[in-house]
Amino acid sequence: MKKEEAVAELDRLGETINDLYMRAWSTALYPTQHGWGPSLASVVAIPILSMASFGRMVGSAVVEQLPPSVFDTLSNVGKPDKPSE
């Protein structure tokens, strides 16, 4: 995996978490529209999604600071070395 791919994946993950976070708040705030069960489940999901968002932000910051060579090295971990001639 290249650094650019990792950054793009983290961006997509952030968008997904934000979408779920907005849906959870919408469901939690309107229990008469969505039902009490889904609303209570959303109330429980909000802190979990907040922590997921925080973890993604930290991961993004770390990935941005790493040089691209680290990603090349990690991509080759576990692969057999090419025999030298």
PDB file of N, CA and C in Angstrom:
ATOM      1  N   MET A   1       0.843  -1.168   0.000  1.00  0.00           N
ATOM      2  CA  MET A   1       0.000   0.000   0.000  1.00  0.00           C
ATOM      3  C   MET A   1       0.898   1.244   0.000  1.00  0.00           C
ATOM      4  N   LYS A   2       0.571   2.169  -0.830  1.00  0.00           N
ATOM      5  CA  LYS A   2       1.296   3.433  -0.922  1.00  0.00           C
ATOM      6  C   LYS A   2       0.729   4.422   0.092  1.00  0.00           C
ATOM      7  N   LYS A   3       1.508   5.434   0.417  1.00  0.00           N
ATOM      8  CA  LYS A   3       1.074   6.439   1.375  1.00  0.00           C
ATOM      9  C   LYS A   3      -0.194   7.140   0.884  1.00  0.00           C
ATOM     10  N   GLU A   4      -0.257   7.442  -0.400  1.00  0.00           N
ATOM     11  CA  GLU A   4      -1.425   8.119  -0.958  1.00  0.00           C
ATOM     12  C   GLU A   4      -2.682   7.269  -0.794  1.00  0.00           C
ATOM     13  N   GLU A   5      -2.537   5.954  -0.965  1.00  0.00           N
ATOM     14  CA  GLU A   5      -3.668   5.048  -0.795  1.00  0.00           C
ATOM     15  C   GLU A   5      -4.130   5.028   0.658  1.00  0.00           C
ATOM     16  N   ALA A   6      -3.176   5.027   1.589  1.00  0.00           N
ATOM     17  CA  ALA A   6      -3.527   5.019   3.010  1.00  0.00           C
ATOM     18  C   ALA A   6      -4.256   6.299   3.398  1.00  0.00           C
ATOM     19  N   VAL A   7      -3.782   7.434   2.894  1.00  0.00           N
ATOM     20  CA  VAL A   7      -4.440   8.712   3.186  1.00  0.00           C
ATOM     21  C   VAL A   7      -5.855   8.715   2.613  1.00  0.00           C
ATOM     22  N   ALA A   8      -6.005   8.223   1.388  1.00  0.00           N
ATOM     23  CA  ALA A   8      -7.335   8.177   0.761  1.00  0.00           C
ATOM     24  C   ALA A   8      -8.280   7.264   1.541  1.00  0.00           C
ATOM     25  N   GLU A   9      -7.791   6.115   1.997  1.00  0.00           N
ATOM     26  CA  GLU A   9      -8.618   5.191   2.779  1.00  0.00           C
ATOM     27  C   GLU A   9      -9.043   5.823   4.103  1.00  0.00           C
ATOM     28  N   LEU A  10      -8.127   6.533   4.745  1.00  0.00           N
ATOM     29  CA  LEU A  10      -8.464   7.199   5.999  1.00  0.00           C
ATOM     30  C   LEU A  10      -9.491   8.312   5.778  1.00  0.00           C
ATOM     31  N   ASP A  11      -9.390   9.003   4.652  1.00  0.00           N
ATOM     32  CA  ASP A  11     -10.381  10.031   4.327  1.00  0.00           C
ATOM     33  C   ASP A  11     -11.761   9.414   4.121  1.00  0.00           C
ATOM     34  N   ARG A  12     -11.812   8.299   3.401  1.00  0.00           N
ATOM     35  CA  ARG A  12     -13.089   7.613   3.191  1.00  0.00           C
ATOM     36  C   ARG A  12     -13.663   7.099   4.509  1.00  0.00           C
ATOM     37  N   LEU A  13     -12.781   6.581   5.351  1.00  0.00           N
ATOM     38  CA  LEU A  13     -13.214   6.105   6.665  1.00  0.00           C
ATOM     39  C   LEU A  13     -13.802   7.257   7.477  1.00  0.00           C
ATOM     40  N   GLY A  14     -13.164   8.407   7.421  1.00  0.00           N
ATOM     41  CA  GLY A  14     -13.665   9.578   8.129  1.00  0.00           C
ATOM     42  C   GLY A  14     -15.043   9.990   7.644  1.00  0.00           C
ATOM     43  N   GLU A  15     -15.246   9.954   6.341  1.00  0.00           N
ATOM     44  CA  GLU A  15     -16.556  10.297   5.789  1.00  0.00           C
ATOM     45  C   GLU A  15     -17.626   9.306   6.237  1.00  0.00           C
ATOM     46  N   THR A  16     -17.280   8.029   6.273  1.00  0.00           N
ATOM     47  CA  THR A  16     -18.225   7.005   6.716  1.00  0.00           C
ATOM     48  C   THR A  16     -18.582   7.188   8.185  1.00  0.00           C
ATOM     49  N   ILE A  17     -17.572   7.438   9.018  1.00  0.00           N
ATOM     50  CA  ILE A  17     -17.827   7.643  10.444  1.00  0.00           C
ATOM     51  C   ILE A  17     -18.702   8.878  10.649  1.00  0.00           C
ATOM     52  N   ASN A  18     -18.398   9.959   9.933  1.00  0.00           N
ATOM     53  CA  ASN A  18     -19.201  11.181  10.069  1.00  0.00           C
ATOM     54  C   ASN A  18     -20.652  10.957   9.642  1.00  0.00           C
ATOM     55  N   ASP A  19     -20.846  10.189   8.574  1.00  0.00           N
ATOM     56  CA  ASP A  19     -22.204   9.874   8.115  1.00  0.00           C
ATOM     57  C   ASP A  19     -22.959   9.083   9.181  1.00  0.00           C
ATOM     58  N   LEU A  20     -22.313   8.068   9.733  1.00  0.00           N
ATOM     59  CA  LEU A  20     -22.948   7.270  10.786  1.00  0.00           C
ATOM     60  C   LEU A  20     -23.233   8.112  12.026  1.00  0.00           C
ATOM     61  N   TYR A  21     -22.321   9.018  12.345  1.00  0.00           N
ATOM     62  CA  TYR A  21     -22.480   9.901  13.498  1.00  0.00           C
ATOM     63  C   TYR A  21     -23.703  10.801  13.323  1.00  0.00           C
ATOM     64  N   MET A  22     -23.856  11.377  12.137  1.00  0.00           N
ATOM     65  CA  MET A  22     -25.021  12.223  11.866  1.00  0.00           C
ATOM     66  C   MET A  22     -26.323  11.422  11.935  1.00  0.00           C
ATOM     67  N   ARG A  23     -26.306  10.214  11.392  1.00  0.00           N
ATOM     68  CA  ARG A  23     -27.505   9.363  11.439  1.00  0.00           C
ATOM     69  C   ARG A  23     -27.865   8.985  12.870  1.00  0.00           C
ATOM     70  N   ALA A  24     -26.830   8.689  13.666  1.00  0.00           N
ATOM     71  CA  ALA A  24     -27.071   8.313  15.057  1.00  0.00           C
ATOM     72  C   ALA A  24     -27.709   9.473  15.822  1.00  0.00           C
ATOM     73  N   TRP A  25     -27.199  10.672  15.626  1.00  0.00           N
ATOM     74  CA  TRP A  25     -27.785  11.836  16.303  1.00  0.00           C
ATOM     75  C   TRP A  25     -29.219  12.067  15.838  1.00  0.00           C
ATOM     76  N   SER A  26     -29.442  11.953  14.547  1.00  0.00           N
ATOM     77  CA  SER A  26     -30.790  12.157  14.009  1.00  0.00           C
ATOM     78  C   SER A  26     -31.769  11.151  14.607  1.00  0.00           C
ATOM     79  N   THR A  27     -31.352   9.913  14.701  1.00  0.00           N
ATOM     80  CA  THR A  27     -32.218   8.871  15.259  1.00  0.00           C
ATOM     81  C   THR A  27     -32.413   9.071  16.759  1.00  0.00           C
ATOM     82  N   ALA A  28     -31.346   9.445  17.461  1.00  0.00           N
ATOM     83  CA  ALA A  28     -31.439   9.623  18.913  1.00  0.00           C
ATOM     84  C   ALA A  28     -32.338  10.794  19.288  1.00  0.00           C
ATOM     85  N   LEU A  29     -32.351  11.836  18.478  1.00  0.00           N
ATOM     86  CA  LEU A  29     -33.112  13.038  18.817  1.00  0.00           C
ATOM     87  C   LEU A  29     -34.601  12.955  18.484  1.00  0.00           C
ATOM     88  N   TYR A  30     -34.993  11.976  17.698  1.00  0.00           N
ATOM     89  CA  TYR A  30     -36.403  11.848  17.297  1.00  0.00           C
ATOM     90  C   TYR A  30     -36.938  10.454  17.589  1.00  0.00           C
ATOM     91  N   PRO A  31     -37.079  10.115  18.873  1.00  0.00           N
ATOM     92  CA  PRO A  31     -37.530   8.762  19.222  1.00  0.00           C
ATOM     93  C   PRO A  31     -38.966   8.463  18.784  1.00  0.00           C
ATOM     94  N   THR A  32     -39.814   9.474  18.712  1.00  0.00           N
ATOM     95  CA  THR A  32     -41.191   9.207  18.288  1.00  0.00           C
ATOM     96  C   THR A  32     -41.265   8.886  16.797  1.00  0.00           C
ATOM     97  N   GLN A  33     -40.314   9.383  16.050  1.00  0.00           N
ATOM     98  CA  GLN A  33     -40.291   9.105  14.607  1.00  0.00           C
ATOM     99  C   GLN A  33     -39.618   7.768  14.300  1.00  0.00           C
ATOM    100  N   HIS A  34     -38.524   7.465  15.007  1.00  0.00           N
ATOM    101  CA  HIS A  34     -37.735   6.265  14.704  1.00  0.00           C
ATOM    102  C   HIS A  34     -38.014   5.099  15.649  1.00  0.00           C
ATOM    103  N   GLY A  35     -38.691   5.364  16.753  1.00  0.00           N
ATOM    104  CA  GLY A  35     -38.934   4.328  17.752  1.00  0.00           C
ATOM    105  C   GLY A  35     -37.922   4.439  18.882  1.00  0.00           C
ATOM    106  N   TRP A  36     -38.349   3.980  20.063  1.00  0.00           N
ATOM    107  CA  TRP A  36     -37.485   4.107  21.230  1.00  0.00           C
ATOM    108  C   TRP A  36     -36.288   3.165  21.185  1.00  0.00           C
ATOM    109  N   GLY A  37     -36.461   1.974  20.671  1.00  0.00           N
ATOM    110  CA  GLY A  37     -35.346   1.018  20.599  1.00  0.00           C
ATOM    111  C   GLY A  37     -34.194   1.549  19.752  1.00  0.00           C
ATOM    112  N   PRO A  38     -34.459   1.927  18.495  1.00  0.00           N
ATOM    113  CA  PRO A  38     -33.386   2.485  17.675  1.00  0.00           C
ATOM    114  C   PRO A  38     -32.804   3.780  18.259  1.00  0.00           C
ATOM    115  N   SER A  39     -33.642   4.577  18.904  1.00  0.00           N
ATOM    116  CA  SER A  39     -33.148   5.824  19.500  1.00  0.00           C
ATOM    117  C   SER A  39     -32.187   5.539  20.644  1.00  0.00           C
ATOM    118  N   LEU A  40     -32.528   4.581  21.489  1.00  0.00           N
ATOM    119  CA  LEU A  40     -31.630   4.220  22.591  1.00  0.00           C
ATOM    120  C   LEU A  40     -30.347   3.583  22.071  1.00  0.00           C
ATOM    121  N   ALA A  41     -30.466   2.770  21.042  1.00  0.00           N
ATOM    122  CA  ALA A  41     -29.262   2.182  20.443  1.00  0.00           C
ATOM    123  C   ALA A  41     -28.365   3.275  19.858  1.00  0.00           C
ATOM    124  N   SER A  42     -28.966   4.298  19.290  1.00  0.00           N
ATOM    125  CA  SER A  42     -28.187   5.398  18.735  1.00  0.00           C
ATOM    126  C   SER A  42     -27.491   6.193  19.833  1.00  0.00           C
ATOM    127  N   VAL A  43     -28.173   6.361  20.965  1.00  0.00           N
ATOM    128  CA  VAL A  43     -27.554   7.055  22.094  1.00  0.00           C
ATOM    129  C   VAL A  43     -26.308   6.300  22.551  1.00  0.00           C
ATOM    130  N   VAL A  44     -26.381   4.989  22.549  1.00  0.00           N
ATOM    131  CA  VAL A  44     -25.225   4.174  22.927  1.00  0.00           C
ATOM    132  C   VAL A  44     -24.129   4.255  21.859  1.00  0.00           C
ATOM    133  N   ALA A  45     -24.512   4.371  20.591  1.00  0.00           N
ATOM    134  CA  ALA A  45     -23.537   4.380  19.498  1.00  0.00           C
ATOM    135  C   ALA A  45     -22.787   5.700  19.390  1.00  0.00           C
ATOM    136  N   ILE A  46     -23.371   6.789  19.858  1.00  0.00           N
ATOM    137  CA  ILE A  46     -22.743   8.108  19.686  1.00  0.00           C
ATOM    138  C   ILE A  46     -21.350   8.183  20.320  1.00  0.00           C
ATOM    139  N   PRO A  47     -21.155   7.771  21.579  1.00  0.00           N
ATOM    140  CA  PRO A  47     -19.796   7.827  22.131  1.00  0.00           C
ATOM    141  C   PRO A  47     -18.821   6.883  21.426  1.00  0.00           C
ATOM    142  N   ILE A  48     -19.327   5.761  20.964  1.00  0.00           N
ATOM    143  CA  ILE A  48     -18.466   4.815  20.238  1.00  0.00           C
ATOM    144  C   ILE A  48     -18.007   5.438  18.929  1.00  0.00           C
ATOM    145  N   LEU A  49     -18.919   6.087  18.222  1.00  0.00           N
ATOM    146  CA  LEU A  49     -18.555   6.751  16.969  1.00  0.00           C
ATOM    147  C   LEU A  49     -17.631   7.934  17.223  1.00  0.00           C
ATOM    148  N   SER A  50     -17.798   8.600  18.348  1.00  0.00           N
ATOM    149  CA  SER A  50     -16.892   9.702  18.699  1.00  0.00           C
ATOM    150  C   SER A  50     -15.473   9.181  18.890  1.00  0.00           C
ATOM    151  N   MET A  51     -15.341   8.068  19.571  1.00  0.00           N
ATOM    152  CA  MET A  51     -14.008   7.476  19.779  1.00  0.00           C
ATOM    153  C   MET A  51     -13.423   6.981  18.450  1.00  0.00           C
ATOM    154  N   ALA A  52     -14.265   6.431  17.586  1.00  0.00           N
ATOM    155  CA  ALA A  52     -13.788   5.994  16.276  1.00  0.00           C
ATOM    156  C   ALA A  52     -13.287   7.188  15.467  1.00  0.00           C
ATOM    157  N   SER A  53     -13.987   8.293  15.556  1.00  0.00           N
ATOM    158  CA  SER A  53     -13.576   9.501  14.849  1.00  0.00           C
ATOM    159  C   SER A  53     -12.250  10.017  15.397  1.00  0.00           C
ATOM    160  N   PHE A  54     -12.108  10.012  16.698  1.00  0.00           N
ATOM    161  CA  PHE A  54     -10.854  10.437  17.323  1.00  0.00           C
ATOM    162  C   PHE A  54      -9.705   9.524  16.897  1.00  0.00           C
ATOM    163  N   GLY A  55      -9.940   8.230  16.908  1.00  0.00           N
ATOM    164  CA  GLY A  55      -8.904   7.281  16.476  1.00  0.00           C
ATOM    165  C   GLY A  55      -8.504   7.489  15.030  1.00  0.00           C
ATOM    166  N   ARG A  56      -9.475   7.802  14.172  1.00  0.00           N
ATOM    167  CA  ARG A  56      -9.167   8.075  12.778  1.00  0.00           C
ATOM    168  C   ARG A  56      -8.350   9.348  12.636  1.00  0.00           C
ATOM    169  N   MET A  57      -8.662  10.369  13.426  1.00  0.00           N
ATOM    170  CA  MET A  57      -7.886  11.615  13.368  1.00  0.00           C
ATOM    171  C   MET A  57      -6.443  11.385  13.798  1.00  0.00           C
ATOM    172  N   VAL A  58      -6.249  10.612  14.855  1.00  0.00           N
ATOM    173  CA  VAL A  58      -4.893  10.301  15.307  1.00  0.00           C
ATOM    174  C   VAL A  58      -4.165   9.481  14.243  1.00  0.00           C
ATOM    175  N   GLY A  59      -4.847   8.484  13.685  1.00  0.00           N
ATOM    176  CA  GLY A  59      -4.244   7.672  12.625  1.00  0.00           C
ATOM    177  C   GLY A  59      -3.864   8.501  11.419  1.00  0.00           C
ATOM    178  N   SER A  60      -4.721   9.438  11.053  1.00  0.00           N
ATOM    179  CA  SER A  60      -4.430  10.326   9.924  1.00  0.00           C
ATOM    180  C   SER A  60      -3.196  11.170  10.198  1.00  0.00           C
ATOM    181  N   ALA A  61      -3.109  11.703  11.407  1.00  0.00           N
ATOM    182  CA  ALA A  61      -1.958  12.530  11.766  1.00  0.00           C
ATOM    183  C   ALA A  61      -0.668  11.722  11.705  1.00  0.00           C
ATOM    184  N   VAL A  62      -0.715  10.482  12.170  1.00  0.00           N
ATOM    185  CA  VAL A  62       0.472   9.622  12.134  1.00  0.00           C
ATOM    186  C   VAL A  62       0.861   9.303  10.698  1.00  0.00           C
ATOM    187  N   VAL A  63      -0.122   8.934   9.878  1.00  0.00           N
ATOM    188  CA  VAL A  63       0.159   8.587   8.481  1.00  0.00           C
ATOM    189  C   VAL A  63       0.747   9.781   7.734  1.00  0.00           C
ATOM    190  N   GLU A  64       0.249  10.975   8.010  1.00  0.00           N
ATOM    191  CA  GLU A  64       0.762  12.170   7.339  1.00  0.00           C
ATOM    192  C   GLU A  64       2.227  12.422   7.685  1.00  0.00           C
ATOM    193  N   GLN A  65       2.653  12.034   8.884  1.00  0.00           N
ATOM    194  CA  GLN A  65       4.020  12.292   9.324  1.00  0.00           C
ATOM    195  C   GLN A  65       5.021  11.244   8.853  1.00  0.00           C
ATOM    196  N   LEU A  66       4.544  10.071   8.477  1.00  0.00           N
ATOM    197  CA  LEU A  66       5.446   8.998   8.057  1.00  0.00           C
ATOM    198  C   LEU A  66       5.955   9.233   6.642  1.00  0.00           C
ATOM    199  N   PRO A  67       7.222   8.925   6.399  1.00  0.00           N
ATOM    200  CA  PRO A  67       7.738   9.035   5.037  1.00  0.00           C
ATOM    201  C   PRO A  67       7.197   7.898   4.162  1.00  0.00           C
ATOM    202  N   PRO A  68       7.076   8.118   2.862  1.00  0.00           N
ATOM    203  CA  PRO A  68       6.550   7.080   1.964  1.00  0.00           C
ATOM    204  C   PRO A  68       7.353   5.780   1.996  1.00  0.00           C
ATOM    205  N   SER A  69       8.631   5.842   2.335  1.00  0.00           N
ATOM    206  CA  SER A  69       9.456   4.634   2.362  1.00  0.00           C
ATOM    207  C   SER A  69       8.973   3.632   3.405  1.00  0.00           C
ATOM    208  N   VAL A  70       8.354   4.123   4.478  1.00  0.00           N
ATOM    209  CA  VAL A  70       7.831   3.225   5.514  1.00  0.00           C
ATOM    210  C   VAL A  70       6.735   2.340   4.931  1.00  0.00           C
ATOM    211  N   PHE A  71       5.906   2.906   4.081  1.00  0.00           N
ATOM    212  CA  PHE A  71       4.814   2.142   3.482  1.00  0.00           C
ATOM    213  C   PHE A  71       5.357   1.082   2.523  1.00  0.00           C
ATOM    214  N   ASP A  72       6.421   1.410   1.798  1.00  0.00           N
ATOM    215  CA  ASP A  72       7.038   0.420   0.914  1.00  0.00           C
ATOM    216  C   ASP A  72       7.623  -0.723   1.726  1.00  0.00           C
ATOM    217  N   THR A  73       8.268  -0.400   2.843  1.00  0.00           N
ATOM    218  CA  THR A  73       8.852  -1.425   3.706  1.00  0.00           C
ATOM    219  C   THR A  73       7.770  -2.312   4.302  1.00  0.00           C
ATOM    220  N   LEU A  74       6.699  -1.697   4.796  1.00  0.00           N
ATOM    221  CA  LEU A  74       5.611  -2.472   5.403  1.00  0.00           C
ATOM    222  C   LEU A  74       4.892  -3.342   4.380  1.00  0.00           C
ATOM    223  N   SER A  75       4.820  -2.876   3.137  1.00  0.00           N
ATOM    224  CA  SER A  75       4.166  -3.669   2.095  1.00  0.00           C
ATOM    225  C   SER A  75       4.951  -4.932   1.777  1.00  0.00           C
ATOM    226  N   ASN A  76       6.246  -4.923   2.044  1.00  0.00           N
ATOM    227  CA  ASN A  76       7.091  -6.071   1.717  1.00  0.00           C
ATOM    228  C   ASN A  76       7.314  -7.011   2.899  1.00  0.00           C
ATOM    229  N   VAL A  77       6.767  -6.700   4.055  1.00  0.00           N
ATOM    230  CA  VAL A  77       6.931  -7.567   5.213  1.00  0.00           C
ATOM    231  C   VAL A  77       6.233  -8.896   4.967  1.00  0.00           C
ATOM    232  N   GLY A  78       6.931  -9.975   5.221  1.00  0.00           N
ATOM    233  CA  GLY A  78       6.359 -11.302   5.052  1.00  0.00           C
ATOM    234  C   GLY A  78       6.529 -11.890   3.663  1.00  0.00           C
ATOM    235  N   LYS A  79       6.952 -11.086   2.720  1.00  0.00           N
ATOM    236  CA  LYS A  79       7.193 -11.598   1.378  1.00  0.00           C
ATOM    237  C   LYS A  79       8.609 -12.170   1.328  1.00  0.00           C
ATOM    238  N   PRO A  80       8.780 -13.264   0.597  1.00  0.00           N
ATOM    239  CA  PRO A  80      10.127 -13.844   0.499  1.00  0.00           C
ATOM    240  C   PRO A  80      11.064 -12.888  -0.241  1.00  0.00           C
ATOM    241  N   ASP A  81      12.292 -12.845   0.234  1.00  0.00           N
ATOM    242  CA  ASP A  81      13.297 -12.005  -0.427  1.00  0.00           C
ATOM    243  C   ASP A  81      13.649 -12.604  -1.775  1.00  0.00           C
ATOM    244  N   LYS A  82      13.939 -11.723  -2.719  1.00  0.00           N
ATOM    245  CA  LYS A  82      14.385 -12.190  -4.031  1.00  0.00           C
ATOM    246  C   LYS A  82      15.819 -12.673  -3.898  1.00  0.00           C
ATOM    247  N   PRO A  83      16.106 -13.841  -4.449  1.00  0.00           N
ATOM    248  CA  PRO A  83      17.482 -14.337  -4.352  1.00  0.00           C
ATOM    249  C   PRO A  83      18.436 -13.433  -5.134  1.00  0.00           C
ATOM    250  N   SER A  84      19.555 -13.136  -4.507  1.00  0.00           N
ATOM    251  CA  SER A  84      20.548 -12.291  -5.192  1.00  0.00           C
ATOM    252  C   SER A  84      21.390 -13.176  -6.099  1.00  0.00           C
ATOM    253  N   GLU A  85      21.743 -12.595  -7.197  1.00  0.00           N
ATOM    254  CA  GLU A  85      22.505 -13.357  -8.181  1.00  0.00           C
ATOM    255  C   GLU A  85      23.956 -13.008  -8.138  1.00  0.00           C
TER     256      GLU A  85
END
